[in-house]
Amino acid sequence: MIDRTELWIVIIGLGLGSFGLRFVFLGLVGDRPIPAWLMRHLRYTAVSVLPALIMPLIVWPAANDGQPEPVRLAAAAITLGLGFYFKNPLLAMVVGGVVLVSGIYLTS
C-alpha cells in the first residue's frame, strides 16, 4: 500500500510539472510570435495523442494479459482504413467501435 505522504508528494509534483509546462508556453512565450517551423510541428500534437493512447490497448490489451487479439486488430485496421479513405474520423471511430463490439459479441 502506498504511503499518504508519498502520494501527496507525487500529486504536488505532477501539479507543479503540469503548471510549469503550461507556464512556459503561455507565460513566457505567450506574447511572442511562434516561428513557422514550430507551428507546423505543433499542429501534429493533437493528431498524435489519440493513437498514442489507443495503440497499447490494441497491441497489448490488459483484458488478454497482453496477448494481441484478432478482433481488436481487425477493428483497428478497419478504423484506420476508413479514416484514411473517407477522411472522416467520426465515421471511422463509430464503425471501428461497432466492429469491435460485434466481434467480441460474436466470438464469446
PDB file of N, CA and C in Angstrom:
ATOM      1  N   MET A   1       0.829  -1.181   0.000  1.00  0.00           N
ATOM      2  CA  MET A   1       0.000   0.000   0.000  1.00  0.00           C
ATOM      3  C   MET A   1       0.878   1.251   0.000  1.00  0.00           C
ATOM      4  N   ILE A   2       0.445   2.258  -0.726  1.00  0.00           N
ATOM      5  CA  ILE A   2       1.244   3.474  -0.859  1.00  0.00           C
ATOM      6  C   ILE A   2       1.011   4.403   0.341  1.00  0.00           C
ATOM      7  N   ASP A   3       2.073   5.017   0.785  1.00  0.00           N
ATOM      8  CA  ASP A   3       2.008   5.939   1.912  1.00  0.00           C
ATOM      9  C   ASP A   3       1.337   7.244   1.479  1.00  0.00           C
ATOM     10  N   ARG A   4       0.548   7.845   2.374  1.00  0.00           N
ATOM     11  CA  ARG A   4      -0.168   9.089   2.030  1.00  0.00           C
ATOM     12  C   ARG A   4       0.809  10.226   1.732  1.00  0.00           C
ATOM     13  N   THR A   5       1.907  10.282   2.449  1.00  0.00           N
ATOM     14  CA  THR A   5       2.893  11.339   2.204  1.00  0.00           C
ATOM     15  C   THR A   5       3.480  11.199   0.808  1.00  0.00           C
ATOM     16  N   GLU A   6       3.817   9.981   0.443  1.00  0.00           N
ATOM     17  CA  GLU A   6       4.357   9.735  -0.899  1.00  0.00           C
ATOM     18  C   GLU A   6       3.325  10.083  -1.972  1.00  0.00           C
ATOM     19  N   LEU A   7       2.064   9.752  -1.726  1.00  0.00           N
ATOM     20  CA  LEU A   7       1.001  10.079  -2.669  1.00  0.00           C
ATOM     21  C   LEU A   7       0.879  11.578  -2.868  1.00  0.00           C
ATOM     22  N   TRP A   8       0.902  12.343  -1.774  1.00  0.00           N
ATOM     23  CA  TRP A   8       0.789  13.793  -1.890  1.00  0.00           C
ATOM     24  C   TRP A   8       2.013  14.407  -2.551  1.00  0.00           C
ATOM     25  N   ILE A   9       3.167  13.841  -2.317  1.00  0.00           N
ATOM     26  CA  ILE A   9       4.378  14.327  -3.000  1.00  0.00           C
ATOM     27  C   ILE A   9       4.242  14.129  -4.504  1.00  0.00           C
ATOM     28  N   VAL A  10       3.730  12.975  -4.925  1.00  0.00           N
ATOM     29  CA  VAL A  10       3.537  12.708  -6.356  1.00  0.00           C
ATOM     30  C   VAL A  10       2.485  13.642  -6.938  1.00  0.00           C
ATOM     31  N   ILE A  11       1.368  13.839  -6.227  1.00  0.00           N
ATOM     32  CA  ILE A  11       0.310  14.723  -6.724  1.00  0.00           C
ATOM     33  C   ILE A  11       0.824  16.157  -6.865  1.00  0.00           C
ATOM     34  N   ILE A  12       1.514  16.648  -5.873  1.00  0.00           N
ATOM     35  CA  ILE A  12       2.041  18.022  -5.927  1.00  0.00           C
ATOM     36  C   ILE A  12       3.101  18.140  -7.015  1.00  0.00           C
ATOM     37  N   GLY A  13       3.954  17.133  -7.135  1.00  0.00           N
ATOM     38  CA  GLY A  13       4.974  17.152  -8.187  1.00  0.00           C
ATOM     39  C   GLY A  13       4.367  17.169  -9.578  1.00  0.00           C
ATOM     40  N   LEU A  14       3.343  16.344  -9.792  1.00  0.00           N
ATOM     41  CA  LEU A  14       2.682  16.344 -11.096  1.00  0.00           C
ATOM     42  C   LEU A  14       1.973  17.669 -11.364  1.00  0.00           C
ATOM     43  N   GLY A  15       1.362  18.238 -10.331  1.00  0.00           N
ATOM     44  CA  GLY A  15       0.715  19.539 -10.491  1.00  0.00           C
ATOM     45  C   GLY A  15       1.716  20.628 -10.855  1.00  0.00           C
ATOM     46  N   LEU A  16       2.865  20.650 -10.177  1.00  0.00           N
ATOM     47  CA  LEU A  16       3.899  21.640 -10.497  1.00  0.00           C
ATOM     48  C   LEU A  16       4.469  21.436 -11.895  1.00  0.00           C
ATOM     49  N   GLY A  17       4.644  20.173 -12.274  1.00  0.00           N
ATOM     50  CA  GLY A  17       5.131  19.896 -13.630  1.00  0.00           C
ATOM     51  C   GLY A  17       4.140  20.335 -14.689  1.00  0.00           C
ATOM     52  N   SER A  18       2.863  20.068 -14.454  1.00  0.00           N
ATOM     53  CA  SER A  18       1.828  20.488 -15.392  1.00  0.00           C
ATOM     54  C   SER A  18       1.760  22.006 -15.489  1.00  0.00           C
ATOM     55  N   PHE A  19       1.819  22.676 -14.333  1.00  0.00           N
ATOM     56  CA  PHE A  19       1.817  24.137 -14.342  1.00  0.00           C
ATOM     57  C   PHE A  19       3.045  24.668 -15.078  1.00  0.00           C
ATOM     58  N   GLY A  20       4.204  24.061 -14.828  1.00  0.00           N
ATOM     59  CA  GLY A  20       5.431  24.513 -15.476  1.00  0.00           C
ATOM     60  C   GLY A  20       5.377  24.409 -16.989  1.00  0.00           C
ATOM     61  N   LEU A  21       4.855  23.292 -17.489  1.00  0.00           N
ATOM     62  CA  LEU A  21       4.742  23.147 -18.940  1.00  0.00           C
ATOM     63  C   LEU A  21       3.814  24.190 -19.544  1.00  0.00           C
ATOM     64  N   ARG A  22       2.699  24.447 -18.896  1.00  0.00           N
ATOM     65  CA  ARG A  22       1.765  25.442 -19.406  1.00  0.00           C
ATOM     66  C   ARG A  22       2.338  26.853 -19.290  1.00  0.00           C
ATOM     67  N   PHE A  23       3.048  27.124 -18.195  1.00  0.00           N
ATOM     68  CA  PHE A  23       3.609  28.451 -18.000  1.00  0.00           C
ATOM     69  C   PHE A  23       4.670  28.776 -19.036  1.00  0.00           C
ATOM     70  N   VAL A  24       5.446  27.781 -19.440  1.00  0.00           N
ATOM     71  CA  VAL A  24       6.472  28.025 -20.455  1.00  0.00           C
ATOM     72  C   VAL A  24       5.838  28.533 -21.745  1.00  0.00           C
ATOM     73  N   PHE A  25       4.727  27.907 -22.153  1.00  0.00           N
ATOM     74  CA  PHE A  25       4.102  28.321 -23.408  1.00  0.00           C
ATOM     75  C   PHE A  25       3.234  29.565 -23.247  1.00  0.00           C
ATOM     76  N   LEU A  26       2.486  29.658 -22.174  1.00  0.00           N
ATOM     77  CA  LEU A  26       1.545  30.769 -22.028  1.00  0.00           C
ATOM     78  C   LEU A  26       2.165  31.980 -21.329  1.00  0.00           C
ATOM     79  N   GLY A  27       2.980  31.750 -20.322  1.00  0.00           N
ATOM     80  CA  GLY A  27       3.540  32.855 -19.562  1.00  0.00           C
ATOM     81  C   GLY A  27       4.783  33.458 -20.178  1.00  0.00           C
ATOM     82  N   LEU A  28       5.691  32.619 -20.621  1.00  0.00           N
ATOM     83  CA  LEU A  28       6.954  33.131 -21.147  1.00  0.00           C
ATOM     84  C   LEU A  28       6.915  33.422 -22.644  1.00  0.00           C
ATOM     85  N   VAL A  29       6.205  32.618 -23.401  1.00  0.00           N
ATOM     86  CA  VAL A  29       6.213  32.745 -24.859  1.00  0.00           C
ATOM     87  C   VAL A  29       4.867  33.237 -25.390  1.00  0.00           C
ATOM     88  N   GLY A  30       3.870  33.410 -24.522  1.00  0.00           N
ATOM     89  CA  GLY A  30       2.514  33.718 -24.958  1.00  0.00           C
ATOM     90  C   GLY A  30       2.362  34.996 -25.751  1.00  0.00           C
ATOM     91  N   ASP A  31       3.191  36.011 -25.485  1.00  0.00           N
ATOM     92  CA  ASP A  31       3.039  37.282 -26.198  1.00  0.00           C
ATOM     93  C   ASP A  31       4.001  37.432 -27.374  1.00  0.00           C
ATOM     94  N   ARG A  32       4.767  36.412 -27.669  1.00  0.00           N
ATOM     95  CA  ARG A  32       5.723  36.454 -28.782  1.00  0.00           C
ATOM     96  C   ARG A  32       5.211  35.624 -29.944  1.00  0.00           C
ATOM     97  N   PRO A  33       5.553  35.996 -31.156  1.00  0.00           N
ATOM     98  CA  PRO A  33       5.144  35.172 -32.302  1.00  0.00           C
ATOM     99  C   PRO A  33       5.919  33.848 -32.321  1.00  0.00           C
ATOM    100  N   ILE A  34       5.210  32.780 -32.645  1.00  0.00           N
ATOM    101  CA  ILE A  34       5.842  31.458 -32.710  1.00  0.00           C
ATOM    102  C   ILE A  34       6.363  31.252 -34.124  1.00  0.00           C
ATOM    103  N   PRO A  35       7.584  30.757 -34.279  1.00  0.00           N
ATOM    104  CA  PRO A  35       8.133  30.540 -35.621  1.00  0.00           C
ATOM    105  C   PRO A  35       7.290  29.537 -36.418  1.00  0.00           C
ATOM    106  N   ALA A  36       7.320  29.691 -37.724  1.00  0.00           N
ATOM    107  CA  ALA A  36       6.503  28.846 -38.607  1.00  0.00           C
ATOM    108  C   ALA A  36       6.870  27.372 -38.473  1.00  0.00           C
ATOM    109  N   TRP A  37       8.148  27.055 -38.310  1.00  0.00           N
ATOM    110  CA  TRP A  37       8.558  25.650 -38.209  1.00  0.00           C
ATOM    111  C   TRP A  37       8.007  25.014 -36.932  1.00  0.00           C
ATOM    112  N   LEU A  38       7.927  25.784 -35.834  1.00  0.00           N
ATOM    113  CA  LEU A  38       7.378  25.248 -34.597  1.00  0.00           C
ATOM    114  C   LEU A  38       5.860  25.078 -34.689  1.00  0.00           C
ATOM    115  N   MET A  39       5.186  26.032 -35.315  1.00  0.00           N
ATOM    116  CA  MET A  39       3.738  25.907 -35.513  1.00  0.00           C
ATOM    117  C   MET A  39       3.399  24.678 -36.351  1.00  0.00           C
ATOM    118  N   ARG A  40       4.215  24.408 -37.364  1.00  0.00           N
ATOM    119  CA  ARG A  40       3.995  23.231 -38.214  1.00  0.00           C
ATOM    120  C   ARG A  40       4.087  21.951 -37.389  1.00  0.00           C
ATOM    121  N   HIS A  41       5.043  21.887 -36.480  1.00  0.00           N
ATOM    122  CA  HIS A  41       5.191  20.702 -35.636  1.00  0.00           C
ATOM    123  C   HIS A  41       4.089  20.616 -34.580  1.00  0.00           C
ATOM    124  N   LEU A  42       3.661  21.739 -34.041  1.00  0.00           N
ATOM    125  CA  LEU A  42       2.624  21.733 -33.013  1.00  0.00           C
ATOM    126  C   LEU A  42       1.262  21.323 -33.570  1.00  0.00           C
ATOM    127  N   ARG A  43       1.056  21.506 -34.858  1.00  0.00           N
ATOM    128  CA  ARG A  43      -0.213  21.090 -35.467  1.00  0.00           C
ATOM    129  C   ARG A  43      -0.427  19.583 -35.363  1.00  0.00           C
ATOM    130  N   TYR A  44       0.637  18.818 -35.324  1.00  0.00           N
ATOM    131  CA  TYR A  44       0.523  17.361 -35.285  1.00  0.00           C
ATOM    132  C   TYR A  44       0.416  16.804 -33.871  1.00  0.00           C
ATOM    133  N   THR A  45       0.489  17.643 -32.857  1.00  0.00           N
ATOM    134  CA  THR A  45       0.443  17.168 -31.478  1.00  0.00           C
ATOM    135  C   THR A  45      -0.892  16.507 -31.160  1.00  0.00           C
ATOM    136  N   ALA A  46      -1.987  17.180 -31.488  1.00  0.00           N
ATOM    137  CA  ALA A  46      -3.310  16.625 -31.183  1.00  0.00           C
ATOM    138  C   ALA A  46      -3.569  15.348 -31.964  1.00  0.00           C
ATOM    139  N   VAL A  47      -3.068  15.277 -33.186  1.00  0.00           N
ATOM    140  CA  VAL A  47      -3.280  14.098 -34.017  1.00  0.00           C
ATOM    141  C   VAL A  47      -2.510  12.902 -33.466  1.00  0.00           C
ATOM    142  N   SER A  48      -1.413  13.133 -32.805  1.00  0.00           N
ATOM    143  CA  SER A  48      -0.600  12.018 -32.317  1.00  0.00           C
ATOM    144  C   SER A  48      -1.027  11.528 -30.936  1.00  0.00           C
ATOM    145  N   VAL A  49      -1.821  12.297 -30.207  1.00  0.00           N
ATOM    146  CA  VAL A  49      -2.196  11.902 -28.846  1.00  0.00           C
ATOM    147  C   VAL A  49      -3.134  10.698 -28.853  1.00  0.00           C
ATOM    148  N   LEU A  50      -4.170  10.715 -29.686  1.00  0.00           N
ATOM    149  CA  LEU A  50      -5.142   9.616 -29.697  1.00  0.00           C
ATOM    150  C   LEU A  50      -4.496   8.279 -30.075  1.00  0.00           C
ATOM    151  N   PRO A  51      -3.708   8.198 -31.144  1.00  0.00           N
ATOM    152  CA  PRO A  51      -3.047   6.909 -31.420  1.00  0.00           C
ATOM    153  C   PRO A  51      -2.096   6.466 -30.310  1.00  0.00           C
ATOM    154  N   ALA A  52      -1.440   7.413 -29.667  1.00  0.00           N
ATOM    155  CA  ALA A  52      -0.535   7.052 -28.572  1.00  0.00           C
ATOM    156  C   ALA A  52      -1.287   6.475 -27.387  1.00  0.00           C
ATOM    157  N   LEU A  53      -2.509   6.919 -27.162  1.00  0.00           N
ATOM    158  CA  LEU A  53      -3.311   6.377 -26.075  1.00  0.00           C
ATOM    159  C   LEU A  53      -3.948   5.039 -26.434  1.00  0.00           C
ATOM    160  N   ILE A  54      -4.319   4.867 -27.685  1.00  0.00           N
ATOM    161  CA  ILE A  54      -5.064   3.689 -28.120  1.00  0.00           C
ATOM    162  C   ILE A  54      -4.166   2.513 -28.484  1.00  0.00           C
ATOM    163  N   MET A  55      -3.017   2.766 -29.054  1.00  0.00           N
ATOM    164  CA  MET A  55      -2.167   1.684 -29.570  1.00  0.00           C
ATOM    165  C   MET A  55      -1.804   0.621 -28.529  1.00  0.00           C
ATOM    166  N   PRO A  56      -1.428   0.980 -27.294  1.00  0.00           N
ATOM    167  CA  PRO A  56      -1.144  -0.076 -26.314  1.00  0.00           C
ATOM    168  C   PRO A  56      -2.358  -0.955 -26.014  1.00  0.00           C
ATOM    169  N   LEU A  57      -3.556  -0.384 -26.089  1.00  0.00           N
ATOM    170  CA  LEU A  57      -4.764  -1.165 -25.838  1.00  0.00           C
ATOM    171  C   LEU A  57      -5.048  -2.148 -26.976  1.00  0.00           C
ATOM    172  N   ILE A  58      -4.517  -1.875 -28.143  1.00  0.00           N
ATOM    173  CA  ILE A  58      -4.706  -2.763 -29.295  1.00  0.00           C
ATOM    174  C   ILE A  58      -3.628  -3.839 -29.318  1.00  0.00           C
ATOM    175  N   VAL A  59      -2.391  -3.437 -29.137  1.00  0.00           N
ATOM    176  CA  VAL A  59      -1.273  -4.367 -29.276  1.00  0.00           C
ATOM    177  C   VAL A  59      -1.078  -5.226 -28.027  1.00  0.00           C
ATOM    178  N   TRP A  60      -1.215  -4.618 -26.832  1.00  0.00           N
ATOM    179  CA  TRP A  60      -1.031  -5.341 -25.579  1.00  0.00           C
ATOM    180  C   TRP A  60      -2.243  -5.145 -24.678  1.00  0.00           C
ATOM    181  N   PRO A  61      -3.397  -5.702 -25.029  1.00  0.00           N
ATOM    182  CA  PRO A  61      -4.600  -5.452 -24.220  1.00  0.00           C
ATOM    183  C   PRO A  61      -4.514  -6.124 -22.849  1.00  0.00           C
ATOM    184  N   ALA A  62      -4.844  -5.362 -21.830  1.00  0.00           N
ATOM    185  CA  ALA A  62      -4.823  -5.904 -20.469  1.00  0.00           C
ATOM    186  C   ALA A  62      -5.890  -6.975 -20.276  1.00  0.00           C
ATOM    187  N   ALA A  63      -6.956  -6.924 -21.070  1.00  0.00           N
ATOM    188  CA  ALA A  63      -8.033  -7.911 -20.948  1.00  0.00           C
ATOM    189  C   ALA A  63      -7.554  -9.309 -21.307  1.00  0.00           C
ATOM    190  N   ASN A  64      -6.498  -9.418 -22.107  1.00  0.00           N
ATOM    191  CA  ASN A  64      -5.972 -10.723 -22.533  1.00  0.00           C
ATOM    192  C   ASN A  64      -4.572 -10.964 -21.999  1.00  0.00           C
ATOM    193  N   ASP A  65      -4.218 -10.341 -20.906  1.00  0.00           N
ATOM    194  CA  ASP A  65      -2.877 -10.469 -20.326  1.00  0.00           C
ATOM    195  C   ASP A  65      -1.782 -10.100 -21.316  1.00  0.00           C
ATOM    196  N   GLY A  66      -2.029  -9.106 -22.140  1.00  0.00           N
ATOM    197  CA  GLY A  66      -1.023  -8.616 -23.061  1.00  0.00           C
ATOM    198  C   GLY A  66      -0.915  -9.366 -24.371  1.00  0.00           C
ATOM    199  N   GLN A  67      -1.799 -10.282 -24.633  1.00  0.00           N
ATOM    200  CA  GLN A  67      -1.766 -11.041 -25.885  1.00  0.00           C
ATOM    201  C   GLN A  67      -2.629 -10.343 -26.932  1.00  0.00           C
ATOM    202  N   PRO A  68      -2.106 -10.100 -28.135  1.00  0.00           N
ATOM    203  CA  PRO A  68      -2.917  -9.470 -29.181  1.00  0.00           C
ATOM    204  C   PRO A  68      -4.148 -10.318 -29.512  1.00  0.00           C
ATOM    205  N   GLU A  69      -5.225  -9.656 -29.835  1.00  0.00           N
ATOM    206  CA  GLU A  69      -6.489 -10.317 -30.130  1.00  0.00           C
ATOM    207  C   GLU A  69      -6.904  -9.961 -31.554  1.00  0.00           C
ATOM    208  N   PRO A  70      -7.267 -10.950 -32.378  1.00  0.00           N
ATOM    209  CA  PRO A  70      -7.626 -10.670 -33.767  1.00  0.00           C
ATOM    210  C   PRO A  70      -8.783  -9.685 -33.922  1.00  0.00           C
ATOM    211  N   VAL A  71      -9.745  -9.713 -33.002  1.00  0.00           N
ATOM    212  CA  VAL A  71     -10.890  -8.797 -33.104  1.00  0.00           C
ATOM    213  C   VAL A  71     -10.423  -7.351 -32.936  1.00  0.00           C
ATOM    214  N   ARG A  72      -9.563  -7.102 -31.970  1.00  0.00           N
ATOM    215  CA  ARG A  72      -9.053  -5.742 -31.751  1.00  0.00           C
ATOM    216  C   ARG A  72      -8.192  -5.279 -32.922  1.00  0.00           C
ATOM    217  N   LEU A  73      -7.359  -6.175 -33.428  1.00  0.00           N
ATOM    218  CA  LEU A  73      -6.524  -5.823 -34.573  1.00  0.00           C
ATOM    219  C   LEU A  73      -7.363  -5.530 -35.814  1.00  0.00           C
ATOM    220  N   ALA A  74      -8.419  -6.314 -36.026  1.00  0.00           N
ATOM    221  CA  ALA A  74      -9.304  -6.081 -37.175  1.00  0.00           C
ATOM    222  C   ALA A  74     -10.046  -4.756 -37.027  1.00  0.00           C
ATOM    223  N   ALA A  75     -10.550  -4.475 -35.831  1.00  0.00           N
ATOM    224  CA  ALA A  75     -11.253  -3.210 -35.603  1.00  0.00           C
ATOM    225  C   ALA A  75     -10.315  -2.020 -35.815  1.00  0.00           C
ATOM    226  N   ALA A  76      -9.079  -2.147 -35.358  1.00  0.00           N
ATOM    227  CA  ALA A  76      -8.107  -1.067 -35.548  1.00  0.00           C
ATOM    228  C   ALA A  76      -7.774  -0.879 -37.029  1.00  0.00           C
ATOM    229  N   ALA A  77      -7.610  -1.986 -37.758  1.00  0.00           N
ATOM    230  CA  ALA A  77      -7.299  -1.892 -39.187  1.00  0.00           C
ATOM    231  C   ALA A  77      -8.459  -1.275 -39.969  1.00  0.00           C
ATOM    232  N   ILE A  78      -9.677  -1.661 -39.633  1.00  0.00           N
ATOM    233  CA  ILE A  78     -10.842  -1.100 -40.318  1.00  0.00           C
ATOM    234  C   ILE A  78     -10.980   0.391 -39.989  1.00  0.00           C
ATOM    235  N   THR A  79     -10.771   0.751 -38.738  1.00  0.00           N
ATOM    236  CA  THR A  79     -10.842   2.155 -38.344  1.00  0.00           C
ATOM    237  C   THR A  79      -9.789   2.980 -39.075  1.00  0.00           C
ATOM    238  N   LEU A  80      -8.582   2.467 -39.130  1.00  0.00           N
ATOM    239  CA  LEU A  80      -7.506   3.167 -39.826  1.00  0.00           C
ATOM    240  C   LEU A  80      -7.811   3.300 -41.316  1.00  0.00           C
ATOM    241  N   GLY A  81      -8.284   2.221 -41.934  1.00  0.00           N
ATOM    242  CA  GLY A  81      -8.601   2.263 -43.360  1.00  0.00           C
ATOM    243  C   GLY A  81      -9.729   3.226 -43.683  1.00  0.00           C
ATOM    244  N   LEU A  82     -10.791   3.197 -42.888  1.00  0.00           N
ATOM    245  CA  LEU A  82     -11.908   4.118 -43.130  1.00  0.00           C
ATOM    246  C   LEU A  82     -11.498   5.569 -42.907  1.00  0.00           C
ATOM    247  N   GLY A  83     -10.732   5.807 -41.870  1.00  0.00           N
ATOM    248  CA  GLY A  83     -10.267   7.165 -41.609  1.00  0.00           C
ATOM    249  C   GLY A  83      -9.387   7.690 -42.717  1.00  0.00           C
ATOM    250  N   PHE A  84      -8.524   6.836 -43.243  1.00  0.00           N
ATOM    251  CA  PHE A  84      -7.639   7.245 -44.328  1.00  0.00           C
ATOM    252  C   PHE A  84      -8.412   7.463 -45.632  1.00  0.00           C
ATOM    253  N   TYR A  85      -9.353   6.577 -45.920  1.00  0.00           N
ATOM    254  CA  TYR A  85     -10.077   6.644 -47.187  1.00  0.00           C
ATOM    255  C   TYR A  85     -11.112   7.769 -47.215  1.00  0.00           C
ATOM    256  N   PHE A  86     -11.928   7.865 -46.149  1.00  0.00           N
ATOM    257  CA  PHE A  86     -13.019   8.840 -46.147  1.00  0.00           C
ATOM    258  C   PHE A  86     -12.644  10.174 -45.504  1.00  0.00           C
ATOM    259  N   LYS A  87     -11.508  10.238 -44.812  1.00  0.00           N
ATOM    260  CA  LYS A  87     -11.067  11.454 -44.124  1.00  0.00           C
ATOM    261  C   LYS A  87     -12.129  11.959 -43.137  1.00  0.00           C
ATOM    262  N   ASN A  88     -12.844  11.023 -42.517  1.00  0.00           N
ATOM    263  CA  ASN A  88     -13.897  11.347 -41.559  1.00  0.00           C
ATOM    264  C   ASN A  88     -13.613  10.572 -40.263  1.00  0.00           C
ATOM    265  N   PRO A  89     -12.978  11.223 -39.276  1.00  0.00           N
ATOM    266  CA  PRO A  89     -12.603  10.496 -38.064  1.00  0.00           C
ATOM    267  C   PRO A  89     -13.799   9.979 -37.267  1.00  0.00           C
ATOM    268  N   LEU A  90     -14.897  10.719 -37.263  1.00  0.00           N
ATOM    269  CA  LEU A  90     -16.063  10.271 -36.503  1.00  0.00           C
ATOM    270  C   LEU A  90     -16.637   8.985 -37.096  1.00  0.00           C
ATOM    271  N   LEU A  91     -16.765   8.937 -38.406  1.00  0.00           N
ATOM    272  CA  LEU A  91     -17.240   7.723 -39.080  1.00  0.00           C
ATOM    273  C   LEU A  91     -16.312   6.553 -38.779  1.00  0.00           C
ATOM    274  N   ALA A  92     -15.021   6.785 -38.874  1.00  0.00           N
ATOM    275  CA  ALA A  92     -14.051   5.719 -38.630  1.00  0.00           C
ATOM    276  C   ALA A  92     -14.146   5.189 -37.204  1.00  0.00           C
ATOM    277  N   MET A  93     -14.271   6.094 -36.221  1.00  0.00           N
ATOM    278  CA  MET A  93     -14.340   5.647 -34.829  1.00  0.00           C
ATOM    279  C   MET A  93     -15.637   4.903 -34.534  1.00  0.00           C
ATOM    280  N   VAL A  94     -16.749   5.378 -35.093  1.00  0.00           N
ATOM    281  CA  VAL A  94     -18.029   4.707 -34.852  1.00  0.00           C
ATOM    282  C   VAL A  94     -18.025   3.313 -35.474  1.00  0.00           C
ATOM    283  N   VAL A  95     -17.593   3.203 -36.721  1.00  0.00           N
ATOM    284  CA  VAL A  95     -17.565   1.893 -37.380  1.00  0.00           C
ATOM    285  C   VAL A  95     -16.559   0.975 -36.691  1.00  0.00           C
ATOM    286  N   GLY A  96     -15.407   1.500 -36.297  1.00  0.00           N
ATOM    287  CA  GLY A  96     -14.435   0.690 -35.568  1.00  0.00           C
ATOM    288  C   GLY A  96     -14.983   0.186 -34.250  1.00  0.00           C
ATOM    289  N   GLY A  97     -15.719   1.040 -33.543  1.00  0.00           N
ATOM    290  CA  GLY A  97     -16.349   0.615 -32.294  1.00  0.00           C
ATOM    291  C   GLY A  97     -17.398  -0.457 -32.514  1.00  0.00           C
ATOM    292  N   VAL A  98     -18.184  -0.300 -33.580  1.00  0.00           N
ATOM    293  CA  VAL A  98     -19.206  -1.313 -33.903  1.00  0.00           C
ATOM    294  C   VAL A  98     -18.540  -2.635 -34.256  1.00  0.00           C
ATOM    295  N   VAL A  99     -17.467  -2.584 -35.025  1.00  0.00           N
ATOM    296  CA  VAL A  99     -16.746  -3.815 -35.389  1.00  0.00           C
ATOM    297  C   VAL A  99     -16.174  -4.476 -34.135  1.00  0.00           C
ATOM    298  N   LEU A 100     -15.607  -3.696 -33.231  1.00  0.00           N
ATOM    299  CA  LEU A 100     -15.031  -4.252 -32.010  1.00  0.00           C
ATOM    300  C   LEU A 100     -16.103  -4.905 -31.138  1.00  0.00           C
ATOM    301  N   VAL A 101     -17.187  -4.177 -30.899  1.00  0.00           N
ATOM    302  CA  VAL A 101     -18.239  -4.714 -30.027  1.00  0.00           C
ATOM    303  C   VAL A 101     -18.898  -5.939 -30.660  1.00  0.00           C
ATOM    304  N   SER A 102     -19.195  -5.866 -31.952  1.00  0.00           N
ATOM    305  CA  SER A 102     -19.828  -7.020 -32.591  1.00  0.00           C
ATOM    306  C   SER A 102     -18.866  -8.201 -32.682  1.00  0.00           C
ATOM    307  N   GLY A 103     -17.587  -7.943 -32.889  1.00  0.00           N
ATOM    308  CA  GLY A 103     -16.609  -9.032 -32.925  1.00  0.00           C
ATOM    309  C   GLY A 103     -16.456  -9.712 -31.589  1.00  0.00           C
ATOM    310  N   ILE A 104     -16.436  -8.926 -30.527  1.00  0.00           N
ATOM    311  CA  ILE A 104     -16.342  -9.512 -29.185  1.00  0.00           C
ATOM    312  C   ILE A 104     -17.618 -10.286 -28.873  1.00  0.00           C
ATOM    313  N   TYR A 105     -18.758  -9.747 -29.258  1.00  0.00           N
ATOM    314  CA  TYR A 105     -20.032 -10.425 -29.007  1.00  0.00           C
ATOM    315  C   TYR A 105     -20.113 -11.742 -29.769  1.00  0.00           C
ATOM    316  N   LEU A 106     -19.664 -11.750 -31.012  1.00  0.00           N
ATOM    317  CA  LEU A 106     -19.759 -12.968 -31.837  1.00  0.00           C
ATOM    318  C   LEU A 106     -18.761 -14.036 -31.414  1.00  0.00           C
ATOM    319  N   THR A 107     -17.619 -13.653 -30.884  1.00  0.00           N
ATOM    320  CA  THR A 107     -16.618 -14.655 -30.515  1.00  0.00           C
ATOM    321  C   THR A 107     -16.810 -15.196 -29.102  1.00  0.00           C
ATOM    322  N   SER A 108     -17.636 -14.552 -28.303  1.00  0.00           N
ATOM    323  CA  SER A 108     -17.826 -15.061 -26.936  1.00  0.00           C
ATOM    324  C   SER A 108     -19.129 -15.818 -26.762  1.00  0.00           C
TER     325      SER A 108
END
